[in-house]
Amino acid sequence: MSYALRYDKTISAVWDSLPQTASQALADALAQVCEHPLTRTEPYGEDDGVMRMLVLDTLFAVLYLGHQTRTVHVYQIDYLG
């Protein structure tokens, strides 16, 4: 069962401001995270299985995994490009 992706208007604006290739890479990676959240992400700080980080070549995102609600919340996107 997949997790649902959640993010607010600020994250949406940041995502929209990314270059097309980075935006597409993020979309593809987050689709994979929604299918396999723990194997596609890395711990963010202490490995509690909840706060996670998605690391790509040109960006990283901080995520919160809601295991009971089966949601992936995007809290931060940093473009390193």
PDB file of N, CA and C in Angstrom:
ATOM      1  N   MET A   1       0.835  -1.186   0.000  1.00  0.00           N
ATOM      2  CA  MET A   1       0.000   0.000   0.000  1.00  0.00           C
ATOM      3  C   MET A   1       0.876   1.245   0.000  1.00  0.00           C
ATOM      4  N   SER A   2       0.597   2.146  -0.879  1.00  0.00           N
ATOM      5  CA  SER A   2       1.370   3.375  -1.034  1.00  0.00           C
ATOM      6  C   SER A   2       1.076   4.396   0.053  1.00  0.00           C
ATOM      7  N   TYR A   3       2.036   5.262   0.257  1.00  0.00           N
ATOM      8  CA  TYR A   3       1.856   6.409   1.133  1.00  0.00           C
ATOM      9  C   TYR A   3       1.393   7.583   0.263  1.00  0.00           C
ATOM     10  N   ALA A   4       0.602   8.481   0.836  1.00  0.00           N
ATOM     11  CA  ALA A   4       0.152   9.681   0.132  1.00  0.00           C
ATOM     12  C   ALA A   4       1.163  10.802   0.370  1.00  0.00           C
ATOM     13  N   LEU A   5       1.399  11.613  -0.637  1.00  0.00           N
ATOM     14  CA  LEU A   5       2.342  12.722  -0.542  1.00  0.00           C
ATOM     15  C   LEU A   5       1.606  13.984  -0.100  1.00  0.00           C
ATOM     16  N   ARG A   6       2.181  14.696   0.875  1.00  0.00           N
ATOM     17  CA  ARG A   6       1.594  15.923   1.403  1.00  0.00           C
ATOM     18  C   ARG A   6       2.664  17.011   1.476  1.00  0.00           C
ATOM     19  N   TYR A   7       2.286  18.228   1.116  1.00  0.00           N
ATOM     20  CA  TYR A   7       3.164  19.386   1.271  1.00  0.00           C
ATOM     21  C   TYR A   7       2.302  20.646   1.230  1.00  0.00           C
ATOM     22  N   ASP A   8       2.850  21.735   1.789  1.00  0.00           N
ATOM     23  CA  ASP A   8       2.084  22.974   1.870  1.00  0.00           C
ATOM     24  C   ASP A   8       2.426  23.918   0.709  1.00  0.00           C
ATOM     25  N   LYS A   9       1.843  25.110   0.745  1.00  0.00           N
ATOM     26  CA  LYS A   9       2.020  26.083  -0.334  1.00  0.00           C
ATOM     27  C   LYS A   9       3.466  26.551  -0.470  1.00  0.00           C
ATOM     28  N   THR A  10       4.152  26.660   0.643  1.00  0.00           N
ATOM     29  CA  THR A  10       5.554  27.096   0.594  1.00  0.00           C
ATOM     30  C   THR A  10       6.408  26.059  -0.128  1.00  0.00           C
ATOM     31  N   ILE A  11       6.216  24.802   0.206  1.00  0.00           N
ATOM     32  CA  ILE A  11       6.960  23.733  -0.468  1.00  0.00           C
ATOM     33  C   ILE A  11       6.589  23.696  -1.942  1.00  0.00           C
ATOM     34  N   SER A  12       5.324  23.894  -2.241  1.00  0.00           N
ATOM     35  CA  SER A  12       4.877  23.914  -3.635  1.00  0.00           C
ATOM     36  C   SER A  12       5.585  25.022  -4.419  1.00  0.00           C
ATOM     37  N   ALA A  13       5.720  26.196  -3.806  1.00  0.00           N
ATOM     38  CA  ALA A  13       6.396  27.318  -4.465  1.00  0.00           C
ATOM     39  C   ALA A  13       7.872  27.017  -4.691  1.00  0.00           C
ATOM     40  N   VAL A  14       8.523  26.410  -3.709  1.00  0.00           N
ATOM     41  CA  VAL A  14       9.932  26.046  -3.858  1.00  0.00           C
ATOM     42  C   VAL A  14      10.081  25.018  -4.977  1.00  0.00           C
ATOM     43  N   TRP A  15       9.228  24.012  -4.972  1.00  0.00           N
ATOM     44  CA  TRP A  15       9.275  22.966  -5.994  1.00  0.00           C
ATOM     45  C   TRP A  15       9.060  23.578  -7.377  1.00  0.00           C
ATOM     46  N   ASP A  16       8.100  24.484  -7.495  1.00  0.00           N
ATOM     47  CA  ASP A  16       7.828  25.140  -8.780  1.00  0.00           C
ATOM     48  C   ASP A  16       9.002  25.991  -9.266  1.00  0.00           C
ATOM     49  N   SER A  17       9.829  26.473  -8.344  1.00  0.00           N
ATOM     50  CA  SER A  17      10.953  27.330  -8.718  1.00  0.00           C
ATOM     51  C   SER A  17      12.189  26.541  -9.147  1.00  0.00           C
ATOM     52  N   LEU A  18      12.174  25.235  -8.969  1.00  0.00           N
ATOM     53  CA  LEU A  18      13.329  24.410  -9.346  1.00  0.00           C
ATOM     54  C   LEU A  18      13.472  24.344 -10.866  1.00  0.00           C
ATOM     55  N   PRO A  19      14.694  24.187 -11.352  1.00  0.00           N
ATOM     56  CA  PRO A  19      14.877  23.910 -12.778  1.00  0.00           C
ATOM     57  C   PRO A  19      14.118  22.632 -13.160  1.00  0.00           C
ATOM     58  N   GLN A  20      13.704  22.541 -14.403  1.00  0.00           N
ATOM     59  CA  GLN A  20      12.873  21.429 -14.856  1.00  0.00           C
ATOM     60  C   GLN A  20      13.483  20.061 -14.546  1.00  0.00           C
ATOM     61  N   THR A  21      14.769  19.891 -14.777  1.00  0.00           N
ATOM     62  CA  THR A  21      15.385  18.584 -14.533  1.00  0.00           C
ATOM     63  C   THR A  21      15.371  18.220 -13.048  1.00  0.00           C
ATOM     64  N   ALA A  22      15.632  19.187 -12.194  1.00  0.00           N
ATOM     65  CA  ALA A  22      15.601  18.937 -10.748  1.00  0.00           C
ATOM     66  C   ALA A  22      14.176  18.666 -10.276  1.00  0.00           C
ATOM     67  N   SER A  23      13.232  19.409 -10.794  1.00  0.00           N
ATOM     68  CA  SER A  23      11.824  19.213 -10.441  1.00  0.00           C
ATOM     69  C   SER A  23      11.358  17.812 -10.828  1.00  0.00           C
ATOM     70  N   GLN A  24      11.716  17.373 -12.014  1.00  0.00           N
ATOM     71  CA  GLN A  24      11.321  16.035 -12.467  1.00  0.00           C
ATOM     72  C   GLN A  24      12.008  14.946 -11.654  1.00  0.00           C
ATOM     73  N   ALA A  25      13.281  15.152 -11.335  1.00  0.00           N
ATOM     74  CA  ALA A  25      14.003  14.182 -10.515  1.00  0.00           C
ATOM     75  C   ALA A  25      13.367  14.065  -9.129  1.00  0.00           C
ATOM     76  N   LEU A  26      12.952  15.205  -8.571  1.00  0.00           N
ATOM     77  CA  LEU A  26      12.282  15.191  -7.275  1.00  0.00           C
ATOM     78  C   LEU A  26      10.950  14.458  -7.359  1.00  0.00           C
ATOM     79  N   ALA A  27      10.175  14.739  -8.393  1.00  0.00           N
ATOM     80  CA  ALA A  27       8.881  14.066  -8.569  1.00  0.00           C
ATOM     81  C   ALA A  27       9.062  12.554  -8.690  1.00  0.00           C
ATOM     82  N   ASP A  28      10.027  12.136  -9.481  1.00  0.00           N
ATOM     83  CA  ASP A  28      10.277  10.700  -9.664  1.00  0.00           C
ATOM     84  C   ASP A  28      10.715  10.045  -8.360  1.00  0.00           C
ATOM     85  N   ALA A  29      11.617  10.713  -7.642  1.00  0.00           N
ATOM     86  CA  ALA A  29      12.125  10.150  -6.390  1.00  0.00           C
ATOM     87  C   ALA A  29      11.028  10.092  -5.327  1.00  0.00           C
ATOM     88  N   LEU A  30      10.196  11.133  -5.246  1.00  0.00           N
ATOM     89  CA  LEU A  30       9.118  11.114  -4.262  1.00  0.00           C
ATOM     90  C   LEU A  30       8.080  10.047  -4.573  1.00  0.00           C
ATOM     91  N   ALA A  31       7.876   9.751  -5.843  1.00  0.00           N
ATOM     92  CA  ALA A  31       6.976   8.652  -6.204  1.00  0.00           C
ATOM     93  C   ALA A  31       7.538   7.336  -5.668  1.00  0.00           C
ATOM     94  N   GLN A  32       8.849   7.176  -5.755  1.00  0.00           N
ATOM     95  CA  GLN A  32       9.484   5.967  -5.212  1.00  0.00           C
ATOM     96  C   GLN A  32       9.400   5.938  -3.680  1.00  0.00           C
ATOM     97  N   VAL A  33       9.570   7.106  -3.065  1.00  0.00           N
ATOM     98  CA  VAL A  33       9.460   7.192  -1.606  1.00  0.00           C
ATOM     99  C   VAL A  33       8.066   6.774  -1.151  1.00  0.00           C
ATOM    100  N   CYS A  34       7.049   7.184  -1.881  1.00  0.00           N
ATOM    101  CA  CYS A  34       5.677   6.825  -1.499  1.00  0.00           C
ATOM    102  C   CYS A  34       5.441   5.320  -1.571  1.00  0.00           C
ATOM    103  N   GLU A  35       6.211   4.632  -2.374  1.00  0.00           N
ATOM    104  CA  GLU A  35       6.099   3.172  -2.465  1.00  0.00           C
ATOM    105  C   GLU A  35       6.983   2.459  -1.429  1.00  0.00           C
ATOM    106  N   HIS A  36       8.169   3.003  -1.185  1.00  0.00           N
ATOM    107  CA  HIS A  36       9.148   2.373  -0.281  1.00  0.00           C
ATOM    108  C   HIS A  36       9.825   3.455   0.565  1.00  0.00           C
ATOM    109  N   PRO A  37       9.113   4.014   1.544  1.00  0.00           N
ATOM    110  CA  PRO A  37       9.630   5.185   2.259  1.00  0.00           C
ATOM    111  C   PRO A  37      10.930   4.967   3.037  1.00  0.00           C
ATOM    112  N   LEU A  38      11.107   3.834   3.641  1.00  0.00           N
ATOM    113  CA  LEU A  38      12.311   3.639   4.447  1.00  0.00           C
ATOM    114  C   LEU A  38      13.520   3.225   3.623  1.00  0.00           C
ATOM    115  N   THR A  39      13.309   2.529   2.528  1.00  0.00           N
ATOM    116  CA  THR A  39      14.459   2.093   1.734  1.00  0.00           C
ATOM    117  C   THR A  39      14.933   3.172   0.768  1.00  0.00           C
ATOM    118  N   ARG A  40      14.080   4.111   0.415  1.00  0.00           N
ATOM    119  CA  ARG A  40      14.449   5.163  -0.547  1.00  0.00           C
ATOM    120  C   ARG A  40      14.992   6.422   0.124  1.00  0.00           C
ATOM    121  N   THR A  41      14.880   6.500   1.462  1.00  0.00           N
ATOM    122  CA  THR A  41      15.326   7.684   2.201  1.00  0.00           C
ATOM    123  C   THR A  41      16.421   7.319   3.190  1.00  0.00           C
ATOM    124  N   GLU A  42      17.036   8.355   3.745  1.00  0.00           N
ATOM    125  CA  GLU A  42      18.081   8.183   4.745  1.00  0.00           C
ATOM    126  C   GLU A  42      17.633   8.834   6.047  1.00  0.00           C
ATOM    127  N   PRO A  43      18.156   8.379   7.181  1.00  0.00           N
ATOM    128  CA  PRO A  43      17.800   9.020   8.454  1.00  0.00           C
ATOM    129  C   PRO A  43      18.179  10.497   8.453  1.00  0.00           C
ATOM    130  N   TYR A  44      17.368  11.293   9.104  1.00  0.00           N
ATOM    131  CA  TYR A  44      17.650  12.711   9.308  1.00  0.00           C
ATOM    132  C   TYR A  44      17.882  12.881  10.797  1.00  0.00           C
ATOM    133  N   GLY A  45      19.139  12.979  11.190  1.00  0.00           N
ATOM    134  CA  GLY A  45      19.465  12.983  12.617  1.00  0.00           C
ATOM    135  C   GLY A  45      19.428  11.567  13.149  1.00  0.00           C
ATOM    136  N   GLU A  46      18.806  11.400  14.298  1.00  0.00           N
ATOM    137  CA  GLU A  46      18.670  10.071  14.906  1.00  0.00           C
ATOM    138  C   GLU A  46      17.715   9.231  14.068  1.00  0.00           C
ATOM    139  N   ASP A  47      18.061   7.983  13.856  1.00  0.00           N
ATOM    140  CA  ASP A  47      17.238   7.118  13.010  1.00  0.00           C
ATOM    141  C   ASP A  47      16.018   6.626  13.784  1.00  0.00           C
ATOM    142  N   ASP A  48      14.952   7.427  13.722  1.00  0.00           N
ATOM    143  CA  ASP A  48      13.712   7.068  14.401  1.00  0.00           C
ATOM    144  C   ASP A  48      12.677   6.494  13.435  1.00  0.00           C
ATOM    145  N   GLY A  49      13.040   6.410  12.144  1.00  0.00           N
ATOM    146  CA  GLY A  49      12.125   5.880  11.144  1.00  0.00           C
ATOM    147  C   GLY A  49      11.034   6.844  10.751  1.00  0.00           C
ATOM    148  N   VAL A  50      11.097   8.062  11.274  1.00  0.00           N
ATOM    149  CA  VAL A  50      10.049   9.051  11.004  1.00  0.00           C
ATOM    150  C   VAL A  50      10.612  10.256  10.256  1.00  0.00           C
ATOM    151  N   MET A  51      11.616  10.907  10.813  1.00  0.00           N
ATOM    152  CA  MET A  51      12.246  12.033  10.125  1.00  0.00           C
ATOM    153  C   MET A  51      13.288  11.464   9.174  1.00  0.00           C
ATOM    154  N   ARG A  52      13.122  11.751   7.901  1.00  0.00           N
ATOM    155  CA  ARG A  52      13.972  11.158   6.871  1.00  0.00           C
ATOM    156  C   ARG A  52      14.456  12.232   5.906  1.00  0.00           C
ATOM    157  N   MET A  53      15.437  11.865   5.113  1.00  0.00           N
ATOM    158  CA  MET A  53      16.007  12.771   4.136  1.00  0.00           C
ATOM    159  C   MET A  53      16.089  12.050   2.792  1.00  0.00           C
ATOM    160  N   LEU A  54      15.670  12.732   1.760  1.00  0.00           N
ATOM    161  CA  LEU A  54      15.796  12.242   0.386  1.00  0.00           C
ATOM    162  C   LEU A  54      16.963  12.998  -0.234  1.00  0.00           C
ATOM    163  N   VAL A  55      17.985  12.282  -0.634  1.00  0.00           N
ATOM    164  CA  VAL A  55      19.197  12.908  -1.164  1.00  0.00           C
ATOM    165  C   VAL A  55      19.323  12.571  -2.643  1.00  0.00           C
ATOM    166  N   LEU A  56      19.370  13.618  -3.473  1.00  0.00           N
ATOM    167  CA  LEU A  56      19.577  13.474  -4.918  1.00  0.00           C
ATOM    168  C   LEU A  56      20.848  14.216  -5.299  1.00  0.00           C
ATOM    169  N   ASP A  57      21.231  14.149  -6.555  1.00  0.00           N
ATOM    170  CA  ASP A  57      22.468  14.805  -7.000  1.00  0.00           C
ATOM    171  C   ASP A  57      22.459  16.307  -6.765  1.00  0.00           C
ATOM    172  N   THR A  58      21.348  16.958  -7.032  1.00  0.00           N
ATOM    173  CA  THR A  58      21.319  18.424  -6.966  1.00  0.00           C
ATOM    174  C   THR A  58      20.393  18.983  -5.895  1.00  0.00           C
ATOM    175  N   LEU A  59      19.787  18.126  -5.093  1.00  0.00           N
ATOM    176  CA  LEU A  59      18.908  18.631  -4.039  1.00  0.00           C
ATOM    177  C   LEU A  59      18.706  17.589  -2.961  1.00  0.00           C
ATOM    178  N   PHE A  60      18.208  18.078  -1.839  1.00  0.00           N
ATOM    179  CA  PHE A  60      17.755  17.134  -0.819  1.00  0.00           C
ATOM    180  C   PHE A  60      16.477  17.673  -0.204  1.00  0.00           C
ATOM    181  N   ALA A  61      15.691  16.760   0.342  1.00  0.00           N
ATOM    182  CA  ALA A  61      14.418  17.125   0.943  1.00  0.00           C
ATOM    183  C   ALA A  61      14.319  16.461   2.316  1.00  0.00           C
ATOM    184  N   VAL A  62      13.746  17.193   3.260  1.00  0.00           N
ATOM    185  CA  VAL A  62      13.487  16.658   4.588  1.00  0.00           C
ATOM    186  C   VAL A  62      12.034  16.209   4.607  1.00  0.00           C
ATOM    187  N   LEU A  63      11.821  14.973   5.046  1.00  0.00           N
ATOM    188  CA  LEU A  63      10.500  14.357   5.012  1.00  0.00           C
ATOM    189  C   LEU A  63      10.108  13.850   6.390  1.00  0.00           C
ATOM    190  N   TYR A  64       8.809  13.822   6.624  1.00  0.00           N
ATOM    191  CA  TYR A  64       8.244  13.203   7.824  1.00  0.00           C
ATOM    192  C   TYR A  64       7.369  12.057   7.355  1.00  0.00           C
ATOM    193  N   LEU A  65       7.629  10.858   7.843  1.00  0.00           N
ATOM    194  CA  LEU A  65       6.841   9.693   7.453  1.00  0.00           C
ATOM    195  C   LEU A  65       5.779   9.424   8.512  1.00  0.00           C
ATOM    196  N   GLY A  66       4.538   9.547   8.117  1.00  0.00           N
ATOM    197  CA  GLY A  66       3.421   9.222   9.000  1.00  0.00           C
ATOM    198  C   GLY A  66       3.005   7.786   8.745  1.00  0.00           C
ATOM    199  N   HIS A  67       3.583   6.875   9.485  1.00  0.00           N
ATOM    200  CA  HIS A  67       3.351   5.457   9.225  1.00  0.00           C
ATOM    201  C   HIS A  67       1.905   5.042   9.503  1.00  0.00           C
ATOM    202  N   GLN A  68       1.292   5.595  10.546  1.00  0.00           N
ATOM    203  CA  GLN A  68      -0.084   5.222  10.851  1.00  0.00           C
ATOM    204  C   GLN A  68      -1.059   5.805   9.836  1.00  0.00           C
ATOM    205  N   THR A  69      -0.789   7.022   9.364  1.00  0.00           N
ATOM    206  CA  THR A  69      -1.669   7.658   8.378  1.00  0.00           C
ATOM    207  C   THR A  69      -1.232   7.365   6.949  1.00  0.00           C
ATOM    208  N   ARG A  70      -0.072   6.706   6.819  1.00  0.00           N
ATOM    209  CA  ARG A  70       0.496   6.346   5.514  1.00  0.00           C
ATOM    210  C   ARG A  70       0.655   7.590   4.634  1.00  0.00           C
ATOM    211  N   THR A  71       1.355   8.582   5.191  1.00  0.00           N
ATOM    212  CA  THR A  71       1.625   9.821   4.473  1.00  0.00           C
ATOM    213  C   THR A  71       3.104  10.162   4.522  1.00  0.00           C
ATOM    214  N   VAL A  72       3.556  10.835   3.480  1.00  0.00           N
ATOM    215  CA  VAL A  72       4.903  11.400   3.410  1.00  0.00           C
ATOM    216  C   VAL A  72       4.717  12.908   3.327  1.00  0.00           C
ATOM    217  N   HIS A  73       5.188  13.615   4.348  1.00  0.00           N
ATOM    218  CA  HIS A  73       5.091  15.074   4.387  1.00  0.00           C
ATOM    219  C   HIS A  73       6.443  15.667   4.000  1.00  0.00           C
ATOM    220  N   VAL A  74       6.453  16.547   3.025  1.00  0.00           N
ATOM    221  CA  VAL A  74       7.679  17.239   2.620  1.00  0.00           C
ATOM    222  C   VAL A  74       7.764  18.525   3.438  1.00  0.00           C
ATOM    223  N   TYR A  75       8.830  18.669   4.230  1.00  0.00           N
ATOM    224  CA  TYR A  75       9.007  19.838   5.082  1.00  0.00           C
ATOM    225  C   TYR A  75      10.034  20.822   4.550  1.00  0.00           C
ATOM    226  N   GLN A  76      10.953  20.367   3.729  1.00  0.00           N
ATOM    227  CA  GLN A  76      12.012  21.261   3.256  1.00  0.00           C
ATOM    228  C   GLN A  76      12.586  20.699   1.972  1.00  0.00           C
ATOM    229  N   ILE A  77      12.868  21.612   1.042  1.00  0.00           N
ATOM    230  CA  ILE A  77      13.587  21.254  -0.183  1.00  0.00           C
ATOM    231  C   ILE A  77      14.747  22.226  -0.305  1.00  0.00           C
ATOM    232  N   ASP A  78      15.943  21.711  -0.445  1.00  0.00           N
ATOM    233  CA  ASP A  78      17.126  22.540  -0.653  1.00  0.00           C
ATOM    234  C   ASP A  78      17.761  22.161  -1.977  1.00  0.00           C
ATOM    235  N   TYR A  79      17.835  23.134  -2.871  1.00  0.00           N
ATOM    236  CA  TYR A  79      18.451  22.938  -4.182  1.00  0.00           C
ATOM    237  C   TYR A  79      19.935  23.265  -4.080  1.00  0.00           C
ATOM    238  N   LEU A  80      20.777  22.358  -4.501  1.00  0.00           N
ATOM    239  CA  LEU A  80      22.225  22.516  -4.392  1.00  0.00           C
ATOM    240  C   LEU A  80      22.882  22.871  -5.709  1.00  0.00           C
ATOM    241  N   GLY A  81      22.095  22.855  -6.768  1.00  0.00           N
ATOM    242  CA  GLY A  81      22.486  22.999  -8.132  1.00  0.00           C
ATOM    243  C   GLY A  81      23.609  23.815  -8.510  1.00  0.00           C
TER     244      GLY A  81
END
